[in-house]
């Protein structure tokens, strides 16, 4: 099982981290700092596998980024290396020749792609096609949600006003907020009907 994955730059800047085992934040920072220092100190022609503390480390450099995985002693290093390569291929497909800036400004997409590929430290999806389909579906859902806000911004404001008043939470019940929204929608429909009747001279 993979214990964690780190992406970091040649300058030692952490760009992405995914942990599959529970550690306190302080220990995570210590592990990250020590491992980045260890990997960056290695020469380019050295092996991409190394024994480090109680885990095996598999890393690979792509352009300015290092992809680094920690795995248990009984795990296969070559399979982990292939998993890293598969992840990079998916990032390339999605971003079109992925670079460090893509990870920085679209980190949530990088995490989503990784979550589609690996679950609980184990490879869950071997098909790149299926992963890319899931990402496309997620992007479409996000676009639809954004369009809902754009074209119904007054509803978004109304919901916020029902929830928060003067910077303070005024309603904790979702049911009450939804009732207020339904009442507002009904009132709006009545006003629309009245306006239409006036326009044709029936009111």
N, C-alpha and C. Protein backbone atom coordinates (compact mmCIF):
# COMPACT_ATOMS: atom_id res chain seq x y z
N UNK A 1 0.84 -1.20 0.00
CA UNK A 1 0.00 0.00 0.00
C UNK A 1 0.87 1.25 0.00
N UNK A 2 0.47 2.22 -0.80
CA UNK A 2 1.18 3.49 -0.80
C UNK A 2 0.83 4.25 0.49
N UNK A 3 1.82 4.81 1.13
CA UNK A 3 1.57 5.57 2.37
C UNK A 3 1.33 7.04 2.10
N UNK A 4 2.06 7.58 1.13
CA UNK A 4 1.82 8.98 0.75
C UNK A 4 2.48 9.27 -0.59
N UNK A 5 2.02 10.36 -1.21
CA UNK A 5 2.64 10.85 -2.45
C UNK A 5 2.93 12.33 -2.28
N UNK A 6 4.11 12.74 -2.71
CA UNK A 6 4.51 14.14 -2.67
C UNK A 6 4.92 14.59 -4.07
N UNK A 7 4.53 15.80 -4.43
CA UNK A 7 5.03 16.45 -5.64
C UNK A 7 5.76 17.70 -5.19
N UNK A 8 7.00 17.85 -5.61
CA UNK A 8 7.74 19.05 -5.23
C UNK A 8 8.67 19.48 -6.36
N UNK A 9 9.07 20.74 -6.31
CA UNK A 9 9.89 21.31 -7.37
C UNK A 9 11.37 21.10 -7.09
N UNK A 10 12.20 21.47 -8.06
CA UNK A 10 13.66 21.36 -7.89
C UNK A 10 14.15 22.27 -6.77
N UNK A 11 13.36 23.32 -6.48
CA UNK A 11 13.72 24.25 -5.41
C UNK A 11 13.24 23.77 -4.04
N UNK A 12 12.59 22.61 -4.02
CA UNK A 12 12.12 22.04 -2.76
C UNK A 12 10.77 22.56 -2.30
N UNK A 13 10.03 23.21 -3.22
CA UNK A 13 8.69 23.71 -2.90
C UNK A 13 7.66 22.60 -3.07
N UNK A 14 6.91 22.34 -2.02
CA UNK A 14 5.88 21.30 -2.07
C UNK A 14 4.69 21.79 -2.90
N UNK A 15 4.30 21.01 -3.89
CA UNK A 15 3.19 21.42 -4.77
C UNK A 15 1.93 20.59 -4.55
N UNK A 16 2.08 19.37 -4.07
CA UNK A 16 0.91 18.52 -3.81
C UNK A 16 1.33 17.44 -2.83
N UNK A 17 0.44 17.10 -1.92
CA UNK A 17 0.71 16.00 -0.99
C UNK A 17 -0.58 15.23 -0.73
N UNK A 18 -0.46 13.93 -0.73
CA UNK A 18 -1.61 13.07 -0.46
C UNK A 18 -1.16 11.98 0.50
N UNK A 19 -1.82 11.92 1.65
CA UNK A 19 -1.45 10.95 2.69
C UNK A 19 -2.52 9.87 2.80
N UNK A 20 -2.08 8.63 2.84
CA UNK A 20 -2.99 7.49 2.96
C UNK A 20 -2.87 6.80 4.32
N UNK A 21 -2.02 7.34 5.16
CA UNK A 21 -1.90 6.87 6.55
C UNK A 21 -2.02 8.08 7.46
N UNK A 22 -2.51 7.85 8.67
CA UNK A 22 -2.73 8.96 9.60
C UNK A 22 -1.44 9.31 10.34
N UNK A 23 -1.06 10.58 10.24
CA UNK A 23 0.08 11.11 10.98
C UNK A 23 -0.29 12.49 11.51
N UNK A 24 0.23 12.89 12.65
CA UNK A 24 0.03 14.28 13.10
C UNK A 24 0.67 15.25 12.10
N UNK A 25 0.12 16.46 12.01
CA UNK A 25 0.64 17.45 11.06
C UNK A 25 2.12 17.72 11.26
N UNK A 26 2.54 17.76 12.52
CA UNK A 26 3.95 18.04 12.82
C UNK A 26 4.86 16.97 12.22
N UNK A 27 4.44 15.71 12.34
CA UNK A 27 5.23 14.60 11.78
C UNK A 27 5.22 14.63 10.25
N UNK A 28 4.06 14.96 9.67
CA UNK A 28 3.97 15.08 8.21
C UNK A 28 4.96 16.11 7.68
N UNK A 29 5.02 17.26 8.36
CA UNK A 29 5.95 18.32 7.94
C UNK A 29 7.39 17.86 8.05
N UNK A 30 7.69 17.13 9.12
CA UNK A 30 9.06 16.63 9.35
C UNK A 30 9.43 15.62 8.26
N UNK A 31 8.52 14.68 7.98
CA UNK A 31 8.77 13.67 6.94
C UNK A 31 8.97 14.35 5.59
N UNK A 32 8.08 15.29 5.28
CA UNK A 32 8.14 16.00 4.00
C UNK A 32 9.47 16.72 3.84
N UNK A 33 9.86 17.46 4.86
CA UNK A 33 11.10 18.23 4.82
C UNK A 33 12.32 17.32 4.62
N UNK A 34 12.38 16.24 5.41
CA UNK A 34 13.52 15.33 5.34
C UNK A 34 13.59 14.59 4.00
N UNK A 35 12.42 14.17 3.51
CA UNK A 35 12.39 13.40 2.27
C UNK A 35 12.75 14.28 1.06
N UNK A 36 12.23 15.49 1.03
CA UNK A 36 12.57 16.41 -0.07
C UNK A 36 14.07 16.65 -0.10
N UNK A 37 14.65 16.89 1.07
CA UNK A 37 16.10 17.11 1.16
C UNK A 37 16.88 15.89 0.67
N UNK A 38 16.42 14.70 1.07
CA UNK A 38 17.10 13.45 0.68
C UNK A 38 17.05 13.24 -0.83
N UNK A 39 15.88 13.39 -1.42
CA UNK A 39 15.71 13.15 -2.86
C UNK A 39 16.47 14.19 -3.69
N UNK A 40 16.39 15.45 -3.31
CA UNK A 40 17.07 16.51 -4.07
C UNK A 40 18.59 16.38 -4.00
N UNK A 41 19.08 15.74 -2.94
CA UNK A 41 20.54 15.58 -2.79
C UNK A 41 21.09 14.45 -3.67
N UNK A 42 20.20 13.61 -4.21
CA UNK A 42 20.65 12.47 -5.02
C UNK A 42 21.01 12.92 -6.44
N UNK A 43 22.00 12.25 -7.02
CA UNK A 43 22.46 12.59 -8.37
C UNK A 43 21.49 12.04 -9.41
N UNK A 44 21.40 12.69 -10.58
CA UNK A 44 20.44 12.27 -11.62
C UNK A 44 20.56 10.81 -12.05
N UNK A 45 21.78 10.27 -12.06
CA UNK A 45 21.98 8.90 -12.55
C UNK A 45 21.77 7.84 -11.48
N UNK A 46 21.45 8.27 -10.28
CA UNK A 46 21.22 7.31 -9.20
C UNK A 46 19.87 6.63 -9.36
N UNK A 47 19.73 5.46 -8.74
CA UNK A 47 18.48 4.68 -8.82
C UNK A 47 17.30 5.47 -8.25
N UNK A 48 16.13 5.26 -8.85
CA UNK A 48 14.91 5.95 -8.40
C UNK A 48 14.25 5.29 -7.20
N UNK A 49 14.86 4.22 -6.69
CA UNK A 49 14.33 3.54 -5.50
C UNK A 49 15.33 3.70 -4.36
N UNK A 50 14.83 3.89 -3.16
CA UNK A 50 15.72 3.91 -2.00
C UNK A 50 14.99 3.48 -0.75
N UNK A 51 15.73 2.88 0.14
CA UNK A 51 15.20 2.51 1.46
C UNK A 51 15.31 3.74 2.35
N UNK A 52 14.21 4.10 2.97
CA UNK A 52 14.21 5.31 3.81
C UNK A 52 13.39 5.04 5.06
N UNK A 53 14.09 4.99 6.20
CA UNK A 53 13.43 4.65 7.47
C UNK A 53 12.74 3.30 7.32
N UNK A 54 11.43 3.22 7.58
CA UNK A 54 10.75 1.92 7.51
C UNK A 54 9.94 1.75 6.22
N UNK A 55 10.20 2.62 5.24
CA UNK A 55 9.45 2.54 3.97
C UNK A 55 10.42 2.51 2.79
N UNK A 56 9.86 2.15 1.62
CA UNK A 56 10.62 2.24 0.38
C UNK A 56 10.14 3.49 -0.36
N UNK A 57 11.06 4.24 -0.91
CA UNK A 57 10.73 5.45 -1.64
C UNK A 57 10.95 5.21 -3.13
N UNK A 58 9.96 5.58 -3.92
CA UNK A 58 10.06 5.53 -5.37
C UNK A 58 9.80 6.94 -5.88
N UNK A 59 10.73 7.46 -6.66
CA UNK A 59 10.54 8.83 -7.16
C UNK A 59 10.93 8.91 -8.63
N UNK A 60 10.42 9.92 -9.29
CA UNK A 60 10.74 10.15 -10.70
C UNK A 60 10.61 11.64 -10.98
N UNK A 61 11.58 12.17 -11.69
CA UNK A 61 11.53 13.59 -12.04
C UNK A 61 10.96 13.75 -13.45
N UNK A 62 9.98 14.64 -13.57
CA UNK A 62 9.42 15.02 -14.86
C UNK A 62 9.54 16.54 -14.97
N UNK A 63 10.36 17.00 -15.92
CA UNK A 63 10.62 18.44 -16.08
C UNK A 63 11.11 19.02 -14.75
N UNK A 64 10.37 19.99 -14.20
CA UNK A 64 10.84 20.63 -12.96
C UNK A 64 10.21 20.03 -11.71
N UNK A 65 9.40 18.97 -11.88
CA UNK A 65 8.70 18.38 -10.74
C UNK A 65 9.19 16.97 -10.40
N UNK A 66 9.29 16.72 -9.11
CA UNK A 66 9.58 15.37 -8.62
C UNK A 66 8.28 14.75 -8.10
N UNK A 67 8.00 13.53 -8.56
CA UNK A 67 6.86 12.76 -8.07
C UNK A 67 7.44 11.67 -7.17
N UNK A 68 7.04 11.69 -5.91
CA UNK A 68 7.69 10.83 -4.92
C UNK A 68 6.63 10.06 -4.12
N UNK A 69 6.78 8.73 -4.08
CA UNK A 69 5.83 7.88 -3.34
C UNK A 69 6.56 7.08 -2.27
N UNK A 70 5.90 6.94 -1.13
CA UNK A 70 6.40 6.07 -0.06
C UNK A 70 5.52 4.84 -0.01
N UNK A 71 6.13 3.68 0.03
CA UNK A 71 5.37 2.44 0.00
C UNK A 71 5.90 1.46 1.04
N UNK A 72 5.09 0.46 1.32
CA UNK A 72 5.48 -0.55 2.30
C UNK A 72 6.54 -1.48 1.71
N UNK A 73 7.27 -2.15 2.60
CA UNK A 73 8.43 -2.94 2.19
C UNK A 73 8.09 -4.06 1.19
N UNK A 74 6.90 -4.62 1.32
CA UNK A 74 6.55 -5.76 0.44
C UNK A 74 5.99 -5.32 -0.91
N UNK A 75 5.79 -4.02 -1.12
CA UNK A 75 5.22 -3.53 -2.38
C UNK A 75 6.26 -3.54 -3.51
N UNK A 76 5.74 -3.59 -4.73
CA UNK A 76 6.58 -3.66 -5.92
C UNK A 76 6.96 -2.25 -6.40
N UNK A 77 8.27 -1.99 -6.45
CA UNK A 77 8.75 -0.66 -6.84
C UNK A 77 8.40 -0.32 -8.29
N UNK A 78 8.49 -1.33 -9.18
CA UNK A 78 8.22 -1.09 -10.60
C UNK A 78 6.75 -0.73 -10.84
N UNK A 79 5.86 -1.37 -10.09
CA UNK A 79 4.44 -1.04 -10.21
C UNK A 79 4.17 0.38 -9.74
N UNK A 80 4.86 0.78 -8.67
CA UNK A 80 4.70 2.15 -8.16
C UNK A 80 5.24 3.16 -9.16
N UNK A 81 6.35 2.82 -9.79
CA UNK A 81 6.92 3.70 -10.82
C UNK A 81 5.96 3.83 -12.00
N UNK A 82 5.31 2.72 -12.35
CA UNK A 82 4.32 2.74 -13.42
C UNK A 82 3.10 3.58 -13.03
N UNK A 83 2.71 3.50 -11.76
CA UNK A 83 1.59 4.30 -11.27
C UNK A 83 1.91 5.80 -11.38
N UNK A 84 3.13 6.17 -11.01
CA UNK A 84 3.56 7.57 -11.13
C UNK A 84 3.47 8.01 -12.60
N UNK A 85 3.98 7.14 -13.48
CA UNK A 85 3.96 7.46 -14.91
C UNK A 85 2.53 7.60 -15.44
N UNK A 86 1.66 6.72 -14.97
CA UNK A 86 0.24 6.78 -15.38
C UNK A 86 -0.39 8.10 -14.92
N UNK A 87 -0.06 8.52 -13.72
CA UNK A 87 -0.58 9.79 -13.19
C UNK A 87 -0.09 10.97 -14.03
N UNK A 88 1.18 10.94 -14.40
CA UNK A 88 1.75 12.02 -15.23
C UNK A 88 1.09 12.02 -16.61
N UNK A 89 0.85 10.85 -17.16
CA UNK A 89 0.17 10.76 -18.47
C UNK A 89 -1.22 11.37 -18.40
N UNK A 90 -1.94 11.10 -17.31
CA UNK A 90 -3.28 11.66 -17.14
C UNK A 90 -3.23 13.18 -17.00
N UNK A 91 -2.26 13.67 -16.24
CA UNK A 91 -2.09 15.12 -16.10
C UNK A 91 -1.77 15.75 -17.45
N UNK A 92 -0.92 15.08 -18.22
CA UNK A 92 -0.57 15.57 -19.57
C UNK A 92 -1.79 15.62 -20.47
N UNK A 93 -2.59 14.57 -20.41
CA UNK A 93 -3.81 14.51 -21.24
C UNK A 93 -4.77 15.64 -20.87
N UNK A 94 -4.91 15.86 -19.57
CA UNK A 94 -5.88 16.86 -19.11
C UNK A 94 -5.39 18.28 -19.37
N UNK A 95 -4.15 18.57 -19.00
CA UNK A 95 -3.64 19.94 -19.12
C UNK A 95 -2.98 20.21 -20.47
N UNK A 96 -2.61 19.14 -21.18
CA UNK A 96 -1.88 19.33 -22.43
C UNK A 96 -0.44 19.69 -22.12
N UNK A 97 0.39 18.68 -21.91
CA UNK A 97 1.79 18.87 -21.49
C UNK A 97 1.84 19.64 -20.17
N UNK A 98 1.57 18.94 -19.10
CA UNK A 98 1.46 19.55 -17.77
C UNK A 98 2.78 20.20 -17.34
N UNK A 99 2.67 21.33 -16.64
CA UNK A 99 3.85 21.98 -16.09
C UNK A 99 3.56 22.34 -14.63
N UNK A 100 4.57 22.85 -13.96
CA UNK A 100 4.45 23.16 -12.54
C UNK A 100 3.33 24.17 -12.27
N UNK A 101 3.18 25.15 -13.16
CA UNK A 101 2.15 26.18 -12.98
C UNK A 101 0.75 25.59 -13.05
N UNK A 102 0.56 24.56 -13.89
CA UNK A 102 -0.75 23.89 -13.95
C UNK A 102 -1.12 23.31 -12.59
N UNK A 103 -0.14 22.70 -11.93
CA UNK A 103 -0.39 22.11 -10.60
C UNK A 103 -0.66 23.21 -9.57
N UNK A 104 0.07 24.31 -9.67
CA UNK A 104 -0.09 25.41 -8.70
C UNK A 104 -1.48 26.03 -8.81
N UNK A 105 -1.90 26.35 -10.05
CA UNK A 105 -3.15 27.09 -10.24
C UNK A 105 -4.38 26.19 -10.39
N UNK A 106 -4.17 24.91 -10.59
CA UNK A 106 -5.30 23.98 -10.72
C UNK A 106 -5.08 22.76 -9.83
N UNK A 107 -4.63 23.02 -8.60
CA UNK A 107 -4.28 21.91 -7.70
C UNK A 107 -5.48 21.00 -7.41
N UNK A 108 -6.70 21.61 -7.39
CA UNK A 108 -7.88 20.78 -7.09
C UNK A 108 -8.11 19.75 -8.18
N UNK A 109 -7.78 20.09 -9.45
CA UNK A 109 -7.91 19.13 -10.55
C UNK A 109 -6.86 18.02 -10.41
N UNK A 110 -5.66 18.41 -10.01
CA UNK A 110 -4.59 17.42 -9.81
C UNK A 110 -4.98 16.42 -8.73
N UNK A 111 -5.59 16.93 -7.65
CA UNK A 111 -6.06 16.04 -6.57
C UNK A 111 -7.19 15.15 -7.06
N UNK A 112 -8.11 15.71 -7.84
CA UNK A 112 -9.25 14.93 -8.33
C UNK A 112 -8.77 13.78 -9.23
N UNK A 113 -7.82 14.08 -10.11
CA UNK A 113 -7.27 13.04 -11.00
C UNK A 113 -6.61 11.94 -10.17
N UNK A 114 -5.85 12.34 -9.16
CA UNK A 114 -5.18 11.36 -8.29
C UNK A 114 -6.19 10.51 -7.54
N UNK A 115 -7.27 11.14 -7.06
CA UNK A 115 -8.31 10.40 -6.32
C UNK A 115 -9.06 9.41 -7.21
N UNK A 116 -9.16 9.73 -8.50
CA UNK A 116 -9.79 8.79 -9.43
C UNK A 116 -8.88 7.59 -9.72
N UNK A 117 -7.58 7.83 -9.61
CA UNK A 117 -6.59 6.80 -9.92
C UNK A 117 -6.27 5.91 -8.71
N UNK A 118 -6.12 6.55 -7.55
CA UNK A 118 -5.69 5.84 -6.33
C UNK A 118 -6.70 6.06 -5.22
N UNK A 119 -7.08 4.98 -4.55
CA UNK A 119 -8.02 5.06 -3.43
C UNK A 119 -7.44 4.29 -2.25
N UNK A 120 -7.31 4.97 -1.12
CA UNK A 120 -6.79 4.32 0.08
C UNK A 120 -5.38 3.77 -0.08
N UNK A 121 -4.61 4.40 -0.96
CA UNK A 121 -3.23 3.95 -1.17
C UNK A 121 -3.08 2.82 -2.16
N UNK A 122 -4.19 2.40 -2.78
CA UNK A 122 -4.16 1.30 -3.76
C UNK A 122 -4.69 1.80 -5.10
N UNK A 123 -4.12 1.28 -6.17
CA UNK A 123 -4.59 1.62 -7.52
C UNK A 123 -6.03 1.14 -7.68
N UNK A 124 -6.95 2.05 -8.00
CA UNK A 124 -8.35 1.65 -8.12
C UNK A 124 -8.85 1.65 -9.57
N UNK A 125 -8.15 2.36 -10.46
CA UNK A 125 -8.60 2.44 -11.85
C UNK A 125 -7.40 2.36 -12.78
N UNK A 126 -7.35 1.31 -13.60
CA UNK A 126 -6.22 1.14 -14.51
C UNK A 126 -6.47 1.77 -15.87
N UNK A 127 -7.72 2.09 -16.17
CA UNK A 127 -8.07 2.64 -17.48
C UNK A 127 -7.96 4.16 -17.48
N UNK A 128 -7.05 4.68 -18.29
CA UNK A 128 -6.92 6.14 -18.42
C UNK A 128 -8.21 6.73 -18.99
N UNK A 129 -8.81 5.99 -19.90
CA UNK A 129 -10.05 6.46 -20.54
C UNK A 129 -11.15 6.70 -19.51
N UNK A 130 -11.30 5.77 -18.56
CA UNK A 130 -12.33 5.90 -17.52
C UNK A 130 -12.05 7.07 -16.59
N UNK A 131 -10.77 7.26 -16.26
CA UNK A 131 -10.40 8.39 -15.40
C UNK A 131 -10.72 9.70 -16.10
N UNK A 132 -10.36 9.81 -17.38
CA UNK A 132 -10.60 11.04 -18.13
C UNK A 132 -12.10 11.31 -18.30
N UNK A 133 -12.89 10.23 -18.44
CA UNK A 133 -14.35 10.38 -18.51
C UNK A 133 -14.90 10.96 -17.21
N UNK A 134 -14.40 10.45 -16.08
CA UNK A 134 -14.84 10.94 -14.77
C UNK A 134 -14.47 12.41 -14.59
N UNK A 135 -13.28 12.79 -15.06
CA UNK A 135 -12.84 14.18 -14.94
C UNK A 135 -13.71 15.08 -15.82
N UNK A 136 -14.02 14.62 -17.04
CA UNK A 136 -14.87 15.40 -17.94
C UNK A 136 -16.26 15.60 -17.34
N UNK A 137 -16.79 14.55 -16.72
CA UNK A 137 -18.11 14.64 -16.07
C UNK A 137 -18.07 15.64 -14.91
N UNK A 138 -16.99 15.62 -14.14
CA UNK A 138 -16.84 16.55 -13.02
C UNK A 138 -16.74 17.99 -13.52
N UNK A 139 -15.99 18.20 -14.61
CA UNK A 139 -15.86 19.54 -15.19
C UNK A 139 -17.21 20.06 -15.67
N UNK A 140 -17.99 19.17 -16.30
CA UNK A 140 -19.31 19.55 -16.80
C UNK A 140 -20.22 19.94 -15.64
N UNK A 141 -20.18 19.16 -14.57
CA UNK A 141 -20.99 19.45 -13.38
C UNK A 141 -20.61 20.81 -12.79
N UNK A 142 -19.32 21.08 -12.75
CA UNK A 142 -18.84 22.35 -12.21
C UNK A 142 -19.31 23.52 -13.07
N UNK A 143 -19.26 23.34 -14.40
CA UNK A 143 -19.71 24.39 -15.31
C UNK A 143 -21.20 24.66 -15.14
N UNK A 144 -21.98 23.58 -15.00
CA UNK A 144 -23.42 23.73 -14.80
C UNK A 144 -23.71 24.49 -13.51
N UNK A 145 -22.99 24.14 -12.44
CA UNK A 145 -23.16 24.83 -11.15
C UNK A 145 -22.81 26.31 -11.27
N UNK A 146 -21.72 26.60 -11.99
CA UNK A 146 -21.32 27.99 -12.18
C UNK A 146 -22.36 28.76 -12.98
N UNK A 147 -22.91 28.10 -14.02
CA UNK A 147 -23.95 28.75 -14.83
C UNK A 147 -25.21 28.99 -14.02
N UNK A 148 -25.54 28.05 -13.13
CA UNK A 148 -26.69 28.25 -12.24
C UNK A 148 -26.55 29.52 -11.43
N UNK A 149 -25.34 29.75 -10.90
CA UNK A 149 -25.09 30.95 -10.10
C UNK A 149 -25.14 32.19 -10.98
N UNK A 150 -24.54 32.11 -12.19
CA UNK A 150 -24.50 33.27 -13.09
C UNK A 150 -25.91 33.70 -13.50
N UNK A 151 -26.73 32.73 -13.93
CA UNK A 151 -28.05 33.07 -14.44
C UNK A 151 -29.13 33.16 -13.36
N UNK A 152 -28.81 32.75 -12.16
CA UNK A 152 -29.77 32.85 -11.05
C UNK A 152 -29.10 33.52 -9.85
N UNK A 153 -28.31 34.56 -10.14
CA UNK A 153 -27.55 35.20 -9.06
C UNK A 153 -28.47 35.79 -8.00
N UNK A 154 -29.68 36.25 -8.42
CA UNK A 154 -30.59 36.84 -7.43
C UNK A 154 -31.07 35.79 -6.43
N UNK A 155 -31.20 34.53 -6.91
CA UNK A 155 -31.58 33.43 -6.00
C UNK A 155 -30.44 33.16 -5.01
N UNK A 156 -29.22 33.19 -5.53
CA UNK A 156 -28.05 32.95 -4.67
C UNK A 156 -27.98 34.01 -3.57
N UNK A 157 -28.25 35.27 -3.96
CA UNK A 157 -28.26 36.36 -2.97
C UNK A 157 -29.37 36.17 -1.95
N UNK A 158 -30.56 35.75 -2.43
CA UNK A 158 -31.70 35.57 -1.54
C UNK A 158 -31.41 34.47 -0.51
N UNK A 159 -30.83 33.36 -0.98
CA UNK A 159 -30.49 32.26 -0.07
C UNK A 159 -29.49 32.73 0.98
N UNK A 160 -28.49 33.49 0.53
CA UNK A 160 -27.48 34.00 1.47
C UNK A 160 -28.11 34.94 2.49
N UNK A 161 -29.05 35.78 2.03
CA UNK A 161 -29.72 36.73 2.94
C UNK A 161 -30.60 36.01 3.96
N UNK A 162 -31.18 34.88 3.56
CA UNK A 162 -31.99 34.10 4.49
C UNK A 162 -31.12 33.41 5.55
N UNK A 163 -29.91 33.10 5.15
CA UNK A 163 -28.99 32.36 6.02
C UNK A 163 -28.22 33.29 6.95
N UNK A 164 -27.76 34.41 6.42
CA UNK A 164 -26.90 35.34 7.17
C UNK A 164 -27.51 36.73 7.17
N UNK A 165 -27.54 37.37 8.34
CA UNK A 165 -28.06 38.74 8.46
C UNK A 165 -27.07 39.56 9.27
N UNK A 166 -26.61 40.66 8.68
CA UNK A 166 -25.66 41.54 9.37
C UNK A 166 -24.37 40.85 9.76
N UNK A 167 -23.95 39.89 8.93
CA UNK A 167 -22.70 39.18 9.19
C UNK A 167 -22.83 38.07 10.21
N UNK A 168 -24.06 37.81 10.69
CA UNK A 168 -24.28 36.76 11.70
C UNK A 168 -25.24 35.71 11.14
N UNK A 169 -25.01 34.46 11.51
CA UNK A 169 -25.91 33.38 11.11
C UNK A 169 -27.27 33.60 11.75
N UNK A 170 -28.32 33.73 10.91
CA UNK A 170 -29.65 33.99 11.48
C UNK A 170 -30.58 32.79 11.41
N UNK A 171 -30.26 31.82 10.55
CA UNK A 171 -31.13 30.66 10.40
C UNK A 171 -30.30 29.39 10.27
N UNK A 172 -30.46 28.49 11.23
CA UNK A 172 -29.68 27.24 11.20
C UNK A 172 -30.44 26.10 10.53
N UNK A 173 -31.74 26.29 10.34
CA UNK A 173 -32.56 25.22 9.76
C UNK A 173 -32.60 25.33 8.24
N UNK A 174 -32.07 24.32 7.56
CA UNK A 174 -32.12 24.31 6.09
C UNK A 174 -33.57 24.27 5.62
N UNK A 175 -34.40 23.56 6.38
CA UNK A 175 -35.82 23.42 6.02
C UNK A 175 -36.50 24.79 5.97
N UNK A 176 -36.23 25.63 6.98
CA UNK A 176 -36.83 26.97 7.02
C UNK A 176 -36.34 27.85 5.88
N UNK A 177 -35.06 27.73 5.57
CA UNK A 177 -34.50 28.51 4.46
C UNK A 177 -35.17 28.10 3.15
N UNK A 178 -35.31 26.79 2.93
CA UNK A 178 -35.94 26.29 1.71
C UNK A 178 -37.41 26.69 1.62
N UNK A 179 -38.10 26.73 2.77
CA UNK A 179 -39.49 27.19 2.80
C UNK A 179 -39.58 28.65 2.37
N UNK A 180 -38.66 29.47 2.89
CA UNK A 180 -38.64 30.90 2.54
C UNK A 180 -38.37 31.09 1.05
N UNK A 181 -37.47 30.26 0.50
CA UNK A 181 -37.15 30.34 -0.94
C UNK A 181 -38.37 29.95 -1.77
N UNK A 182 -39.07 28.88 -1.34
CA UNK A 182 -40.27 28.43 -2.06
C UNK A 182 -41.34 29.50 -2.04
N UNK A 183 -41.51 30.16 -0.88
CA UNK A 183 -42.50 31.24 -0.75
C UNK A 183 -42.13 32.41 -1.66
N UNK A 184 -40.85 32.73 -1.72
CA UNK A 184 -40.37 33.81 -2.58
C UNK A 184 -40.61 33.48 -4.05
N UNK A 185 -40.35 32.22 -4.44
CA UNK A 185 -40.58 31.78 -5.82
C UNK A 185 -42.05 31.90 -6.19
N UNK A 186 -42.93 31.51 -5.26
CA UNK A 186 -44.38 31.58 -5.49
C UNK A 186 -44.82 33.02 -5.68
N UNK A 187 -44.30 33.91 -4.83
CA UNK A 187 -44.62 35.33 -4.91
C UNK A 187 -44.15 35.90 -6.24
N UNK A 188 -42.97 35.50 -6.66
CA UNK A 188 -42.39 35.98 -7.91
C UNK A 188 -43.23 35.51 -9.10
N UNK A 189 -43.70 34.25 -9.03
CA UNK A 189 -44.55 33.72 -10.11
C UNK A 189 -45.86 34.50 -10.20
N UNK A 190 -46.47 34.80 -9.02
CA UNK A 190 -47.72 35.58 -9.00
C UNK A 190 -47.52 36.95 -9.62
N UNK A 191 -46.40 37.60 -9.28
CA UNK A 191 -46.11 38.93 -9.83
C UNK A 191 -45.92 38.87 -11.34
N UNK A 192 -45.30 37.79 -11.82
CA UNK A 192 -45.08 37.61 -13.26
C UNK A 192 -46.40 37.43 -13.99
N UNK A 193 -47.30 36.63 -13.40
CA UNK A 193 -48.63 36.41 -13.99
C UNK A 193 -49.41 37.72 -14.02
N UNK A 194 -49.39 38.47 -12.91
CA UNK A 194 -50.10 39.76 -12.84
C UNK A 194 -49.58 40.72 -13.90
N UNK A 195 -48.28 40.77 -14.08
CA UNK A 195 -47.67 41.66 -15.07
C UNK A 195 -48.12 41.28 -16.48
N UNK A 196 -48.20 39.97 -16.75
CA UNK A 196 -48.62 39.50 -18.07
C UNK A 196 -50.09 39.85 -18.32
N UNK A 197 -50.93 39.71 -17.28
CA UNK A 197 -52.35 40.04 -17.42
C UNK A 197 -52.54 41.54 -17.66
N UNK A 198 -51.77 42.36 -16.97
CA UNK A 198 -51.85 43.82 -17.17
C UNK A 198 -51.46 44.18 -18.60
N UNK A 199 -50.45 43.49 -19.11
CA UNK A 199 -49.95 43.79 -20.45
C UNK A 199 -51.01 43.55 -21.52
N UNK A 200 -51.84 42.52 -21.31
CA UNK A 200 -52.89 42.22 -22.31
C UNK A 200 -54.23 42.86 -21.94
N UNK A 201 -54.21 43.68 -20.87
CA UNK A 201 -55.41 44.42 -20.47
C UNK A 201 -56.45 43.62 -19.75
N UNK A 202 -56.06 42.51 -19.16
CA UNK A 202 -57.02 41.68 -18.43
C UNK A 202 -56.99 41.95 -16.93
N UNK A 203 -56.17 42.91 -16.50
CA UNK A 203 -56.09 43.20 -15.07
C UNK A 203 -55.95 44.70 -14.87
